[in-house]
Amino acid sequence: MHLQLGDVFTIVVFSPEYAREVMKLSVANEIVTVAAGFAIADLFPSAKWLQLLTGLRPKFETLHQKTDQIFS
């Protein structure tokens, strides 16, 4: 199914549920991308400073906030 620009505009403007579904899919894709990657912090989960050093914890915190915004 191919959508034209006018169709997409109509769906987004008149269907806030559609926009919410698109946001859910994009956040889910980000979560899978971050979780699927390898990080040295995965080898030493008790070393919390490694999560901060690699940037893994801030990424998960921002994704958590985005998920909270979508589902609240």
Protein backbone atom coordinates (compact mmCIF):
# COMPACT_ATOMS: atom_id res chain seq x y z
CA MET A 1 0.00 0.00 0.00
CA HIS A 2 1.45 3.32 -1.06
CA LEU A 3 0.34 6.47 0.64
CA GLN A 4 0.52 9.84 -1.00
CA LEU A 5 1.47 12.99 0.86
CA GLY A 6 -2.16 14.12 1.15
CA ASP A 7 -3.15 10.75 2.62
CA VAL A 8 -0.44 10.91 5.25
CA PHE A 9 -1.40 14.49 6.10
CA THR A 10 -5.05 13.49 6.48
CA ILE A 11 -4.25 10.50 8.66
CA VAL A 12 -1.95 12.48 10.96
CA VAL A 13 -4.22 15.53 11.27
CA PHE A 14 -7.45 13.65 11.77
CA SER A 15 -6.12 10.68 13.67
CA PRO A 16 -4.08 11.43 16.80
CA GLU A 17 -4.13 7.69 17.53
CA TYR A 18 -2.09 7.13 14.37
CA ALA A 19 0.54 9.63 15.49
CA ARG A 20 0.67 7.92 18.88
CA GLU A 21 1.19 4.53 17.20
CA VAL A 22 4.03 5.94 15.12
CA MET A 23 5.67 7.24 18.29
CA LYS A 24 5.28 3.83 19.95
CA LEU A 25 6.97 2.12 17.03
CA SER A 26 9.86 4.58 16.92
CA VAL A 27 10.52 4.26 20.66
CA ALA A 28 10.28 0.47 20.44
CA ASN A 29 12.80 0.52 17.60
CA GLU A 30 15.18 2.66 19.65
CA ILE A 31 14.85 0.33 22.65
CA VAL A 32 15.63 -2.73 20.54
CA THR A 33 18.62 -0.98 18.94
CA VAL A 34 20.12 0.05 22.30
CA ALA A 35 19.39 -3.29 23.99
CA ALA A 36 20.79 -5.35 21.11
CA GLY A 37 24.15 -3.62 21.14
CA PHE A 38 27.15 -4.85 23.11
CA ALA A 39 28.48 -2.77 25.95
CA ILE A 40 31.31 -3.51 28.37
CA ALA A 41 28.91 -2.61 31.19
CA ASP A 42 26.99 -5.80 30.36
CA LEU A 43 29.96 -7.86 31.54
CA PHE A 44 30.10 -6.08 34.90
CA PRO A 45 26.51 -5.13 35.86
CA SER A 46 27.44 -4.25 39.44
CA ALA A 47 29.84 -1.52 38.26
CA LYS A 48 27.32 1.29 37.83
CA TRP A 49 30.03 3.74 36.80
CA LEU A 50 30.60 1.72 33.63
CA GLN A 51 27.00 2.32 32.60
CA LEU A 52 27.56 6.05 32.98
CA LEU A 53 30.92 5.93 31.22
CA THR A 54 29.57 4.10 28.17
CA GLY A 55 26.43 6.25 28.06
CA LEU A 56 24.14 3.25 28.36
CA ARG A 57 22.29 4.43 31.46
CA PRO A 58 21.42 7.91 30.12
CA LYS A 59 20.14 6.35 26.89
CA PHE A 60 17.87 3.99 28.81
CA GLU A 61 16.66 6.81 31.06
CA THR A 62 15.65 8.96 28.09
CA LEU A 63 13.91 6.00 26.47
CA HIS A 64 12.13 5.33 29.76
CA GLN A 65 10.91 8.94 29.87
CA LYS A 66 9.69 8.74 26.26
CA THR A 67 7.84 5.51 27.04
CA ASP A 68 6.24 7.12 30.10
CA GLN A 69 5.05 10.06 27.99
CA ILE A 70 3.48 7.77 25.41
CA PHE A 71 1.66 5.48 27.83
CA SER A 72 0.52 8.09 30.35
